[in-house]
Amino acid sequence: MAVKKAAGRIDDARFGKQSRAAIEADAAAEMRAAGVSHHWTVARAQRDGKTYEIRFPNVKEIREKLHLTQAGFAKRFRLRLRTIQQWEQRRAVPDGPAILLLRAIAQDPAFMARVATEAERELA
């Protein structure tokens, strides 16, 4: 069932007649048909006529290699728990500075934990 559009907007009226499960099933079917996935791993950016690929770190994989829960990872590296959850569920993707931070954590987690602790002390 395709989502009807009127003047560039989604026709919300039909959603009141469907259960949430039916709406989500319709959305999932449309995304599959369009070849779209919630699991983004790469973004493309263009600058000065060149195209660059930006690979998003797999936050869950980094966290699990450190044997940390989401809460433990957030606390150790002074990040918000909700941010970790959003990244892992691919509801949000890390921005440029966060990508650098996550790559640094993946390469040297002990050092980055010390840096986060020292920075927190300085800001207190």
Protein backbone atom coordinates (compact mmCIF):
# COMPACT_ATOMS: atom_id res chain seq x y z
CA MET A 1 0.00 0.00 0.00
CA ALA A 2 1.70 3.22 -1.13
CA VAL A 3 1.65 6.35 0.98
CA LYS A 4 -0.45 8.95 -0.77
CA LYS A 5 1.00 12.42 -1.09
CA ALA A 6 -0.90 15.65 -1.47
CA ALA A 7 0.98 18.87 -2.20
CA GLY A 8 4.26 17.26 -1.06
CA ARG A 9 2.79 15.99 2.20
CA ILE A 10 1.89 12.55 3.49
CA ASP A 11 -1.83 11.90 3.77
CA ASP A 12 -2.08 11.30 7.52
CA ALA A 13 -5.82 10.64 7.39
CA ARG A 14 -5.41 7.01 6.34
CA PHE A 15 -3.16 6.23 9.30
CA GLY A 16 -5.99 6.69 11.78
CA LYS A 17 -7.67 3.65 10.24
CA GLN A 18 -4.65 1.33 10.66
CA SER A 19 -2.96 -0.20 13.66
CA ARG A 20 0.60 0.84 14.43
CA ALA A 21 1.79 -2.62 13.38
CA ALA A 22 0.05 -2.25 10.01
CA ILE A 23 1.56 1.19 9.47
CA GLU A 24 5.06 -0.10 10.30
CA ALA A 25 4.57 -3.11 8.02
CA ASP A 26 3.52 -0.82 5.16
CA ALA A 27 6.52 1.44 5.76
CA ALA A 28 8.91 -1.53 5.87
CA ALA A 29 7.48 -2.93 2.62
CA GLU A 30 7.85 0.44 0.89
CA MET A 31 11.43 0.78 2.11
CA ARG A 32 12.31 -2.73 0.88
CA ALA A 33 10.72 -1.98 -2.50
CA ALA A 34 12.77 1.22 -2.73
CA GLY A 35 15.97 -0.55 -1.65
CA VAL A 36 16.30 1.60 1.47
CA SER A 37 17.68 0.28 4.74
CA HIS A 38 17.78 1.75 8.24
CA HIS A 39 21.28 0.36 8.61
CA TRP A 40 23.44 3.09 7.17
CA THR A 41 27.12 2.35 7.14
CA VAL A 42 28.38 4.91 4.61
CA ALA A 43 27.50 8.47 3.68
CA ARG A 44 28.69 10.25 0.59
CA ALA A 45 29.69 13.89 0.58
CA GLN A 46 30.83 16.09 -2.26
CA ARG A 47 33.30 18.91 -2.05
CA ASP A 48 35.16 20.71 -4.82
CA GLY A 49 33.75 18.28 -7.37
CA LYS A 50 35.06 15.22 -5.53
CA THR A 51 32.93 12.58 -3.84
CA TYR A 52 34.03 11.24 -0.47
CA GLU A 53 32.72 8.25 1.42
CA ILE A 54 32.39 8.58 5.18
CA ARG A 55 32.15 5.24 6.97
CA PHE A 56 30.16 5.29 10.19
CA PRO A 57 31.76 3.36 13.03
CA ASN A 58 29.81 0.35 14.30
CA VAL A 59 29.21 1.61 17.84
CA LYS A 60 27.76 -1.67 19.08
CA GLU A 61 30.76 -3.61 17.79
CA ILE A 62 33.20 -1.19 19.46
CA ARG A 63 31.26 -1.34 22.73
CA GLU A 64 30.97 -5.13 22.72
CA LYS A 65 34.71 -5.58 22.07
CA LEU A 66 35.26 -3.61 25.27
CA HIS A 67 32.78 -5.86 27.12
CA LEU A 68 30.73 -2.83 28.20
CA THR A 69 27.00 -2.28 28.49
CA GLN A 70 25.55 0.78 26.77
CA ALA A 71 25.42 2.53 30.15
CA GLY A 72 28.99 1.51 30.95
CA PHE A 73 30.26 2.71 27.57
CA ALA A 74 28.44 6.02 27.96
CA LYS A 75 29.82 6.54 31.48
CA ARG A 76 33.38 5.51 30.63
CA PHE A 77 33.66 7.88 27.67
CA ARG A 78 31.42 10.65 29.08
CA LEU A 79 28.71 10.27 26.43
CA ARG A 80 24.94 10.36 26.83
CA LEU A 81 23.32 6.94 27.13
CA ARG A 82 20.51 8.00 24.79
CA THR A 83 23.07 8.98 22.16
CA ILE A 84 24.65 5.52 22.32
CA GLN A 85 21.23 3.92 22.02
CA GLN A 86 20.31 6.06 19.01
CA TRP A 87 23.57 5.27 17.24
CA GLU A 88 23.26 1.54 17.86
CA GLN A 89 19.65 1.48 16.66
CA ARG A 90 20.67 3.56 13.61
CA ARG A 91 18.05 6.17 14.45
CA ALA A 92 20.88 8.69 14.37
CA VAL A 93 24.37 8.63 12.97
CA PRO A 94 27.49 10.10 14.55
CA ASP A 95 28.57 13.50 13.21
CA GLY A 96 32.15 14.32 12.21
CA PRO A 97 33.64 14.87 15.68
CA ALA A 98 31.79 11.84 17.06
CA ILE A 99 33.16 9.67 14.25
CA LEU A 100 36.69 10.76 15.17
CA LEU A 101 36.03 10.08 18.84
CA LEU A 102 34.62 6.61 18.14
CA ARG A 103 37.58 5.74 15.93
CA ALA A 104 39.97 6.88 18.66
CA ILE A 105 38.06 4.81 21.25
CA ALA A 106 38.28 1.76 18.98
CA GLN A 107 42.06 2.20 18.56
CA ASP A 108 43.01 3.03 22.16
CA PRO A 109 40.10 2.76 24.61
CA ALA A 110 42.22 3.06 27.78
CA PHE A 111 43.84 6.28 26.62
CA MET A 112 40.50 7.78 25.54
CA ALA A 113 38.91 6.87 28.89
CA ARG A 114 41.75 8.72 30.67
CA VAL A 115 41.31 11.73 28.38
CA ALA A 116 37.55 11.77 29.05
CA THR A 117 38.14 11.59 32.82
CA GLU A 118 40.73 14.39 32.76
CA ALA A 119 38.49 16.58 30.61
CA GLU A 120 35.59 16.05 33.00
CA ARG A 121 37.78 17.03 35.97
CA GLU A 122 38.92 20.19 34.20
CA LEU A 123 35.34 21.18 33.42
CA ALA A 124 34.13 20.56 36.99
